[in-house]
Amino acid sequence: MPSLTTQHALQLLQGGQALFPAMVKALDEATAWVQLETYIFDFHGRGEELAQALLRAARRGVLVQVLVDGIGTNRPSAEWQGRFAEAGVQWQEYAPLGRGRFAVLGLLVPERWRRLHRKLCVVDELTVFCGGINILDDFYDPNHGDLTAPRFDFAVAVTGPLAAEASDAMALLWWRVQAGYSARQRHLSAAWEAVKAAGYGGRSGTDRKGRALLSLLGRTTDATASVSGAKAALVLRDNLFHRSSIERAYRRAIGQAHEEIIIANAYFVPGGKLRRALVQAARRGVRVTLLLQGRYEYFMQYHAARPVYGALLAAGIEIHEYGAGFLHSKVAVIDGHWATVGSSNLDPLSLLLAREANVVVDDRAFALDLHQRLLRAMAGEGRRLDPAAYSRRPLRQRVLDYMAYALMRLALLVAGQRY
């Protein structure tokens, strides 16, 4: 976990209804460079508004780079591809499966499970938006259609030096993806230029972004920074140097907790170390509360999570299930001062395989804001899980839960992962 310093301004943003207007405003004020990474980029509703803001920025001469996950995001329509190309918006896909009816078979290769799941937007290296919110309207889901209630999710806007650290990490990944694409297309000279820009082959004399990346390989990507009087750090997870950064940040904060832990997490299947940390905290007298999905988006992930509830409930940990809509949050508040907002679930996909990004904050005002929002959600839309009722759940449900959990463990075994 990086050290925390004090130089930044923070704004907690709940849902796309708060995030997208703030992002559009920042994009409309951009003068030089916009970088965007997301798992899902959907062009319905608010997503279209953001896409229009990207077009406006590019037409003003701003460098606009969009990197989307090759599974989470469908290829834009021909109309949007044409608009982006005309305006100069640069668009790349991270680890695409390819096209055609058999492309999905690529998921049989465990290496393809390593996805780009972080949600980051940096504007002019001055402001970064980080959280769990995809470029996706709150009231729409690609798999479920129109929604009657908005997703429950969060992001944070950080203005200050932390944004430049995020920019460096995003630029490095951009050039890596570009180098890989050029190599696959056998454009070897273009691939070599992209490799050099990413800091592997020497300085790029034409691009400031490539030059700035050279120092990145020699320092942690868990960038440090903070918030006008408050402390903050950007914690990134990758599959090379920072495999456990986010989980370690959680475990350290949980291990130091004295009074209260509240975690709101969409896909909650923590590994043994994290489960033990939570149980030990509860046994120390810390009040531990989990806000988890009551309405599920994905059948397997929902049922795979439920077998871990028993030991947590037995330790006195409260579990509340959010039922108003889809809970998509990845946030936590500990002891009224430590908080995190980001893209990382507490499950194997996030903690072992995906690229993730969280902002960790040590600030009482920020933590209080998040704390109050979580308490309101639990009071208004949550249902506390009764330990006795959980233990008496129907046999059919228990079989589904343990089958899903067993399939998850088998998938991890195939992927060569211990959890």
Protein backbone atom coordinates (compact mmCIF):
# COMPACT_ATOMS: atom_id res chain seq x y z
CA MET A 1 0.00 0.00 0.00
CA PRO A 2 1.52 3.36 -0.99
CA SER A 3 1.99 6.18 1.47
CA LEU A 4 -0.70 8.86 1.51
CA THR A 5 -0.09 12.59 1.02
CA THR A 6 -2.25 15.73 0.87
CA GLN A 7 -2.63 17.60 -2.40
CA HIS A 8 -5.98 16.71 -3.98
CA ALA A 9 -9.65 17.65 -4.14
CA LEU A 10 -12.17 14.80 -4.01
CA GLN A 11 -15.82 14.52 -4.97
CA LEU A 12 -17.90 11.41 -4.27
CA LEU A 13 -20.29 10.67 -7.14
CA GLN A 14 -23.23 8.29 -6.74
CA GLY A 15 -24.44 6.64 -9.92
CA GLY A 16 -24.17 7.67 -13.52
CA GLN A 17 -26.67 10.45 -12.84
CA ALA A 18 -23.91 12.22 -10.88
CA LEU A 19 -20.85 10.89 -12.71
CA PHE A 20 -21.74 11.53 -16.35
CA PRO A 21 -22.62 15.24 -16.04
CA ALA A 22 -19.33 15.77 -14.17
CA MET A 23 -17.41 13.86 -16.84
CA VAL A 24 -19.14 15.70 -19.70
CA LYS A 25 -18.28 19.04 -18.07
CA ALA A 26 -14.64 17.99 -17.73
CA LEU A 27 -14.53 16.75 -21.34
CA ASP A 28 -16.03 20.00 -22.61
CA GLU A 29 -13.28 21.90 -20.76
CA ALA A 30 -10.45 19.62 -21.96
CA THR A 31 -7.67 21.36 -23.87
CA ALA A 32 -5.07 18.68 -24.61
CA TRP A 33 -5.68 15.03 -23.76
CA VAL A 34 -8.54 12.74 -22.73
CA GLN A 35 -7.95 9.09 -21.76
CA LEU A 36 -10.84 6.74 -21.05
CA GLU A 37 -10.82 3.09 -20.00
CA THR A 38 -13.95 1.08 -19.34
CA TYR A 39 -15.21 -2.49 -19.33
CA ILE A 40 -18.55 -1.57 -20.93
CA PHE A 41 -19.18 1.32 -23.31
CA ASP A 42 -22.85 1.36 -24.24
CA PHE A 43 -24.33 4.06 -26.47
CA HIS A 44 -27.81 4.21 -24.90
CA GLY A 45 -28.96 7.27 -22.95
CA ARG A 46 -26.17 8.72 -20.82
CA GLY A 47 -23.63 6.71 -22.77
CA GLU A 48 -24.56 8.55 -25.94
CA GLU A 49 -24.22 11.89 -24.11
CA LEU A 50 -20.69 10.96 -23.11
CA ALA A 51 -19.86 9.79 -26.64
CA GLN A 52 -21.03 13.14 -27.97
CA ALA A 53 -18.74 14.91 -25.48
CA LEU A 54 -15.81 12.82 -26.74
CA LEU A 55 -16.65 13.89 -30.29
CA ARG A 56 -16.76 17.56 -29.30
CA ALA A 57 -13.38 17.28 -27.58
CA ALA A 58 -11.75 15.57 -30.55
CA ARG A 59 -13.16 18.16 -32.97
CA ARG A 60 -11.51 20.90 -30.87
CA GLY A 61 -8.17 19.21 -31.46
CA VAL A 62 -7.97 17.37 -28.12
CA LEU A 63 -6.24 13.97 -28.25
CA VAL A 64 -8.98 11.49 -27.30
CA GLN A 65 -8.07 7.85 -26.58
CA VAL A 66 -10.70 5.28 -25.61
CA LEU A 67 -9.72 1.76 -24.52
CA VAL A 68 -12.55 -0.71 -23.94
CA ASP A 69 -12.58 -4.36 -22.95
CA GLY A 70 -12.93 -6.68 -25.92
CA ILE A 71 -15.58 -8.80 -24.20
CA GLY A 72 -17.46 -6.24 -22.14
CA THR A 73 -18.00 -3.84 -25.05
CA ASN A 74 -19.56 -4.66 -28.39
CA ARG A 75 -18.05 -3.05 -31.47
CA PRO A 76 -19.70 0.36 -32.05
CA SER A 77 -22.26 0.64 -34.81
CA ALA A 78 -21.04 1.64 -38.26
CA GLU A 79 -22.55 5.07 -37.64
CA TRP A 80 -20.57 5.62 -34.45
CA GLN A 81 -17.40 4.19 -35.97
CA GLY A 82 -17.75 6.74 -38.75
CA ARG A 83 -18.36 9.60 -36.33
CA PHE A 84 -15.34 8.71 -34.21
CA ALA A 85 -13.11 8.30 -37.27
CA GLU A 86 -14.23 11.64 -38.71
CA ALA A 87 -13.62 13.47 -35.43
CA GLY A 88 -10.33 11.72 -34.69
CA VAL A 89 -11.41 9.77 -31.60
CA GLN A 90 -8.93 6.90 -31.18
CA TRP A 91 -10.62 3.63 -30.15
CA GLN A 92 -8.93 0.36 -29.17
CA GLU A 93 -10.13 -2.96 -27.76
CA TYR A 94 -8.31 -4.77 -24.98
CA ALA A 95 -7.85 -8.51 -25.65
CA PRO A 96 -10.72 -8.97 -28.13
CA LEU A 97 -11.96 -12.49 -28.78
CA GLY A 98 -12.31 -11.81 -32.48
CA ARG A 99 -15.42 -11.90 -34.63
CA GLY A 100 -17.65 -14.63 -35.95
CA ARG A 101 -19.88 -17.31 -34.50
CA PHE A 102 -17.03 -19.24 -32.87
CA ALA A 103 -15.26 -16.28 -31.27
CA VAL A 104 -16.77 -17.10 -27.88
CA LEU A 105 -14.74 -20.32 -27.85
CA GLY A 106 -11.77 -18.12 -27.06
CA LEU A 107 -13.03 -18.06 -23.47
CA LEU A 108 -11.97 -21.70 -23.20
CA VAL A 109 -8.41 -20.36 -22.99
CA PRO A 110 -7.83 -19.26 -19.36
CA GLU A 111 -5.46 -16.50 -20.46
CA ARG A 112 -8.46 -14.79 -22.08
CA TRP A 113 -10.10 -14.42 -18.65
CA ARG A 114 -7.70 -11.56 -17.86
CA ARG A 115 -9.94 -8.60 -18.64
CA LEU A 116 -9.76 -4.81 -18.49
CA HIS A 117 -12.24 -4.12 -15.69
CA ARG A 118 -11.01 -0.76 -14.42
CA LYS A 119 -13.06 2.37 -15.06
CA LEU A 120 -10.82 5.42 -15.41
CA CYS A 121 -11.07 8.74 -17.20
CA VAL A 122 -8.24 11.29 -17.07
CA VAL A 123 -8.63 14.80 -18.47
CA ASP A 124 -5.51 16.86 -19.23
CA GLU A 125 -3.60 14.90 -16.55
CA LEU A 126 -5.36 17.12 -14.01
CA THR A 127 -8.54 15.25 -13.08
CA VAL A 128 -9.21 11.53 -12.85
CA PHE A 129 -12.57 9.80 -12.46
CA CYS A 130 -12.32 6.34 -10.88
CA GLY A 131 -15.00 3.94 -9.71
CA GLY A 132 -17.25 1.03 -10.54
CA ILE A 133 -19.48 2.79 -13.06
CA ASN A 134 -19.28 1.68 -16.68
CA ILE A 135 -20.22 3.95 -19.57
CA LEU A 136 -23.74 2.63 -19.25
CA ASP A 137 -27.01 4.37 -18.42
CA ASP A 138 -28.20 3.74 -14.85
CA PHE A 139 -31.60 2.62 -16.11
CA TYR A 140 -30.42 0.25 -18.84
CA ASP A 141 -28.63 -3.10 -18.87
CA PRO A 142 -27.45 -4.90 -22.04
CA ASN A 143 -28.63 -8.25 -20.65
CA HIS A 144 -31.82 -7.14 -18.87
CA GLY A 145 -33.03 -4.19 -20.96
CA ASP A 146 -34.68 -1.19 -19.33
CA LEU A 147 -34.47 -1.08 -15.53
CA THR A 148 -37.11 0.22 -13.12
CA ALA A 149 -34.53 1.40 -10.57
CA PRO A 150 -31.01 2.77 -11.07
CA ARG A 151 -27.89 0.79 -10.30
CA PHE A 152 -26.38 1.49 -6.89
CA ASP A 153 -22.80 2.41 -7.68
CA PHE A 154 -20.12 5.00 -6.98
CA ALA A 155 -17.18 6.86 -8.48
CA VAL A 156 -14.81 9.53 -7.21
CA ALA A 157 -13.42 12.56 -9.02
CA VAL A 158 -9.87 13.45 -7.97
CA THR A 159 -8.17 16.67 -9.06
CA GLY A 160 -4.43 16.93 -8.53
CA PRO A 161 -1.16 15.03 -9.08
CA LEU A 162 -2.81 11.62 -8.71
CA ALA A 163 -4.38 12.23 -12.13
CA ALA A 164 -0.95 12.36 -13.79
CA GLU A 165 -0.04 9.04 -12.16
CA ALA A 166 -3.23 7.48 -13.53
CA SER A 167 -2.47 9.02 -16.92
CA ASP A 168 0.97 7.40 -17.02
CA ALA A 169 -0.48 3.96 -16.23
CA MET A 170 -3.23 4.35 -18.83
CA ALA A 171 -0.80 5.55 -21.50
CA LEU A 172 1.48 2.59 -20.86
CA LEU A 173 -1.41 0.17 -21.35
CA TRP A 174 -2.58 2.05 -24.46
CA TRP A 175 0.79 1.66 -26.17
CA ARG A 176 1.06 -1.98 -25.13
CA VAL A 177 -2.31 -2.72 -26.73
CA GLN A 178 -1.34 -0.76 -29.83
CA ALA A 179 1.95 -2.63 -30.11
CA GLY A 180 0.15 -5.96 -29.83
CA TYR A 181 -2.37 -5.03 -32.51
CA SER A 182 0.33 -3.81 -34.90
CA ALA A 183 2.32 -7.00 -34.38
CA ARG A 184 -0.74 -9.17 -35.09
CA GLN A 185 -1.33 -7.21 -38.29
CA ARG A 186 2.37 -7.65 -39.15
CA HIS A 187 2.91 -3.91 -39.12
CA LEU A 188 6.25 -4.49 -37.44
CA SER A 189 7.59 -0.97 -37.74
CA ALA A 190 4.43 0.42 -36.14
CA ALA A 191 4.61 -2.23 -33.43
CA TRP A 192 8.22 -1.28 -32.66
CA GLU A 193 7.31 2.40 -32.42
CA ALA A 194 4.51 1.54 -29.98
CA VAL A 195 6.87 -0.61 -27.93
CA LYS A 196 9.35 2.27 -27.74
CA ALA A 197 6.57 4.65 -26.71
CA ALA A 198 5.63 2.25 -23.93
CA GLY A 199 9.12 2.55 -22.55
CA TYR A 200 10.61 -0.74 -23.62
CA GLY A 201 12.68 0.24 -26.64
CA GLY A 202 13.94 3.70 -25.75
CA ARG A 203 12.50 7.18 -25.90
CA SER A 204 9.95 8.25 -28.46
CA GLY A 205 11.11 11.55 -29.82
CA THR A 206 7.71 12.55 -31.12
CA ASP A 207 5.28 11.83 -28.32
CA ARG A 208 5.34 13.29 -24.83
CA LYS A 209 3.20 10.43 -23.57
CA GLY A 210 5.80 7.87 -24.56
CA ARG A 211 8.59 9.87 -22.90
CA ALA A 212 6.62 10.15 -19.67
CA LEU A 213 6.20 6.38 -19.54
CA LEU A 214 9.89 5.60 -19.29
CA SER A 215 9.97 6.27 -15.57
CA LEU A 216 6.82 4.24 -14.89
CA LEU A 217 8.50 0.85 -15.10
CA GLY A 218 10.83 1.79 -12.28
CA ARG A 219 8.18 2.82 -9.78
CA THR A 220 4.99 1.42 -8.30
CA THR A 221 1.74 1.89 -10.19
CA ASP A 222 0.05 2.23 -6.81
CA ALA A 223 0.24 5.97 -7.31
CA THR A 224 0.12 8.16 -4.23
CA ALA A 225 -1.62 11.44 -3.73
CA SER A 226 -4.28 13.06 -1.63
CA VAL A 227 -7.02 15.49 -1.10
CA SER A 228 -6.79 19.07 0.14
CA GLY A 229 -6.30 18.18 3.75
CA ALA A 230 -7.27 14.56 3.15
CA LYS A 231 -5.10 11.64 2.09
CA ALA A 232 -5.60 9.42 -0.96
CA ALA A 233 -3.83 6.88 -3.17
CA LEU A 234 -4.54 5.24 -6.50
CA VAL A 235 -4.12 1.47 -6.18
CA LEU A 236 -3.91 -0.52 -9.41
CA ARG A 237 -4.06 -4.27 -9.88
CA ASP A 238 -2.39 -6.00 -12.82
CA ASN A 239 -1.03 -9.47 -13.57
CA LEU A 240 2.65 -8.65 -13.30
CA PHE A 241 3.95 -6.35 -10.56
CA HIS A 242 0.80 -5.59 -8.58
CA ARG A 243 -1.17 -8.79 -8.40
CA SER A 244 -2.34 -8.35 -4.79
CA SER A 245 -2.25 -4.58 -4.29
CA ILE A 246 -5.97 -4.01 -3.81
CA GLU A 247 -6.54 -7.08 -1.65
CA ARG A 248 -3.58 -6.10 0.55
CA ALA A 249 -5.01 -2.60 0.97
CA TYR A 250 -8.30 -4.11 2.15
CA ARG A 251 -6.65 -6.61 4.48
CA ARG A 252 -4.42 -3.99 6.05
CA ALA A 253 -7.33 -1.63 6.73
CA ILE A 254 -9.50 -4.46 8.08
CA GLY A 255 -6.65 -5.66 10.30
CA GLN A 256 -6.28 -2.17 11.80
CA ALA A 257 -10.02 -1.60 12.33
CA HIS A 258 -11.21 -0.84 15.86
CA GLU A 259 -14.86 0.15 15.56
CA GLU A 260 -16.72 -0.44 12.30
CA ILE A 261 -16.32 -1.91 8.82
CA ILE A 262 -18.92 -1.42 6.08
CA ILE A 263 -18.32 -3.03 2.69
CA ALA A 264 -20.69 -2.73 -0.28
CA ASN A 265 -19.61 -5.10 -3.02
CA ALA A 266 -21.43 -6.48 -6.02
CA TYR A 267 -19.67 -9.83 -6.43
CA PHE A 268 -18.50 -10.93 -3.01
CA VAL A 269 -16.56 -14.20 -2.99
CA PRO A 270 -13.50 -13.33 -0.88
CA GLY A 271 -10.58 -15.71 -0.57
CA GLY A 272 -9.54 -17.36 2.67
CA LYS A 273 -7.21 -14.59 3.86
CA LEU A 274 -9.81 -11.88 3.38
CA ARG A 275 -12.56 -13.95 5.01
CA ARG A 276 -10.34 -14.65 8.00
CA ALA A 277 -9.50 -10.95 8.32
CA LEU A 278 -13.20 -10.10 8.48
CA VAL A 279 -13.97 -12.86 10.99
CA GLN A 280 -11.03 -11.83 13.19
CA ALA A 281 -12.20 -8.22 13.11
CA ALA A 282 -15.68 -9.27 14.23
CA ARG A 283 -14.18 -11.33 17.05
CA ARG A 284 -12.20 -8.26 18.20
CA GLY A 285 -15.50 -6.48 18.69
CA VAL A 286 -15.52 -4.55 15.42
CA ARG A 287 -18.98 -4.19 13.92
CA VAL A 288 -18.71 -5.67 10.41
CA THR A 289 -21.52 -5.02 7.94
CA LEU A 290 -21.75 -6.21 4.34
CA LEU A 291 -24.14 -4.77 1.76
CA LEU A 292 -24.44 -7.29 -1.08
CA GLN A 293 -26.67 -8.03 -4.05
CA GLY A 294 -30.27 -8.97 -3.37
CA ARG A 295 -31.22 -8.81 -7.06
CA TYR A 296 -28.57 -10.52 -9.10
CA GLU A 297 -27.23 -9.68 -12.55
CA TYR A 298 -25.38 -12.96 -13.10
CA PHE A 299 -26.77 -16.27 -11.86
CA MET A 300 -23.45 -18.06 -11.33
CA GLN A 301 -21.69 -15.26 -9.45
CA TYR A 302 -24.67 -14.70 -7.17
CA HIS A 303 -24.97 -18.34 -6.17
CA ALA A 304 -21.20 -18.90 -5.89
CA ALA A 305 -21.09 -16.15 -3.26
CA ARG A 306 -23.67 -17.59 -0.92
CA PRO A 307 -21.74 -20.57 0.51
CA VAL A 308 -19.26 -18.17 2.15
CA TYR A 309 -22.05 -16.45 4.10
CA GLY A 310 -22.34 -19.16 6.76
CA ALA A 311 -18.98 -18.63 8.47
CA LEU A 312 -19.39 -14.85 8.29
CA LEU A 313 -22.85 -14.93 9.86
CA ALA A 314 -21.62 -17.32 12.55
CA ALA A 315 -18.93 -14.78 13.49
CA GLY A 316 -21.57 -12.09 14.02
CA ILE A 317 -21.06 -10.28 10.72
CA GLU A 318 -24.20 -8.57 9.42
CA ILE A 319 -25.17 -9.21 5.81
CA HIS A 320 -27.72 -6.93 4.14
CA GLU A 321 -29.05 -7.62 0.65
CA TYR A 322 -29.90 -4.63 -1.54
CA GLY A 323 -33.17 -5.16 -3.34
CA ALA A 324 -34.18 -1.90 -5.03
CA GLY A 325 -32.10 -2.53 -8.13
CA PHE A 326 -28.76 -3.95 -9.15
CA LEU A 327 -26.04 -3.24 -6.60
CA HIS A 328 -22.83 -2.69 -8.56
CA SER A 329 -20.76 -0.89 -5.90
CA LYS A 330 -17.19 -1.69 -4.94
CA VAL A 331 -16.73 0.57 -1.89
CA ALA A 332 -15.89 0.37 1.80
CA VAL A 333 -15.67 2.60 4.90
CA ILE A 334 -13.66 1.68 7.99
CA ASP A 335 -13.58 3.46 11.37
CA GLY A 336 -15.04 6.66 9.94
CA HIS A 337 -11.90 7.78 8.12
CA TRP A 338 -10.63 5.08 5.71
CA ALA A 339 -12.59 4.59 2.49
CA THR A 340 -12.14 3.07 -0.93
CA VAL A 341 -14.04 3.56 -4.19
CA GLY A 342 -13.12 1.63 -7.30
CA SER A 343 -13.72 -1.11 -9.83
CA SER A 344 -12.53 -4.14 -7.88
CA ASN A 345 -15.00 -6.69 -6.64
CA LEU A 346 -13.92 -8.98 -3.83
CA ASP A 347 -14.00 -12.10 -5.96
CA PRO A 348 -11.49 -14.20 -7.92
CA LEU A 349 -12.04 -12.44 -11.25
CA SER A 350 -11.10 -9.07 -9.78
CA LEU A 351 -8.48 -10.16 -7.25
CA LEU A 352 -6.68 -12.75 -9.42
CA LEU A 353 -7.27 -11.97 -13.09
CA ALA A 354 -8.56 -8.52 -14.06
CA ARG A 355 -6.94 -5.12 -14.33
CA GLU A 356 -8.57 -3.02 -11.62
CA ALA A 357 -8.29 0.48 -10.15
CA ASN A 358 -9.36 1.76 -6.72
CA VAL A 359 -8.85 5.07 -4.97
CA VAL A 360 -8.12 4.72 -1.25
CA VAL A 361 -8.90 7.75 0.93
CA ASP A 362 -8.06 8.63 4.53
CA ASP A 363 -10.37 11.56 5.29
CA ARG A 364 -13.23 11.85 7.77
CA ALA A 365 -15.43 14.15 5.69
CA PHE A 366 -15.22 11.93 2.60
CA ALA A 367 -15.71 8.75 4.64
CA LEU A 368 -18.71 10.27 6.44
CA ASP A 369 -20.37 11.10 3.12
CA LEU A 370 -19.94 7.54 1.84
CA HIS A 371 -20.90 6.07 5.24
CA GLN A 372 -24.20 7.97 5.32
CA ARG A 373 -25.09 6.94 1.77
CA LEU A 374 -24.49 3.28 2.59
CA LEU A 375 -26.54 3.49 5.80
CA ARG A 376 -29.43 5.10 3.90
CA ALA A 377 -29.29 2.34 1.29
CA MET A 378 -29.36 -0.37 3.94
CA ALA A 379 -32.18 1.30 5.88
CA GLY A 380 -34.32 2.04 2.85
CA GLU A 381 -33.60 -0.75 0.39
CA GLY A 382 -31.70 -3.42 2.29
CA ARG A 383 -32.90 -6.61 3.91
CA ARG A 384 -30.83 -8.04 6.73
CA LEU A 385 -30.11 -11.72 6.24
CA ASP A 386 -31.25 -13.76 9.23
CA PRO A 387 -28.65 -16.43 10.15
CA ALA A 388 -31.35 -18.94 11.12
CA ALA A 389 -33.25 -18.39 7.87
CA TYR A 390 -30.01 -18.73 5.91
CA SER A 391 -29.27 -22.09 7.52
CA ARG A 392 -32.81 -23.27 6.72
CA ARG A 393 -32.83 -22.22 3.07
CA PRO A 394 -34.35 -24.84 0.74
CA LEU A 395 -32.27 -27.81 -0.35
CA ARG A 396 -32.62 -26.82 -4.01
CA GLN A 397 -31.10 -23.42 -3.29
CA ARG A 398 -28.25 -24.92 -1.28
CA VAL A 399 -27.47 -27.34 -4.11
CA LEU A 400 -27.40 -24.47 -6.60
CA ASP A 401 -25.15 -22.44 -4.30
CA TYR A 402 -22.60 -25.20 -3.78
CA MET A 403 -22.62 -26.27 -7.43
CA ALA A 404 -21.89 -22.69 -8.49
CA TYR A 405 -19.15 -22.44 -5.88
CA ALA A 406 -17.64 -25.75 -6.99
CA LEU A 407 -17.66 -24.67 -10.65
CA MET A 408 -15.90 -21.45 -9.66
CA ARG A 409 -13.22 -23.43 -7.81
CA LEU A 410 -12.83 -25.74 -10.82
CA ALA A 411 -12.42 -22.76 -13.15
CA LEU A 412 -9.69 -21.38 -10.88
CA LEU A 413 -7.96 -24.76 -10.91
CA VAL A 414 -8.04 -24.80 -14.72
CA ALA A 415 -6.63 -21.26 -14.75
CA GLY A 416 -3.81 -22.35 -12.43
CA GLN A 417 -4.90 -19.98 -9.65
CA ARG A 418 -4.91 -20.53 -5.91
CA TYR A 419 -7.52 -18.62 -3.93
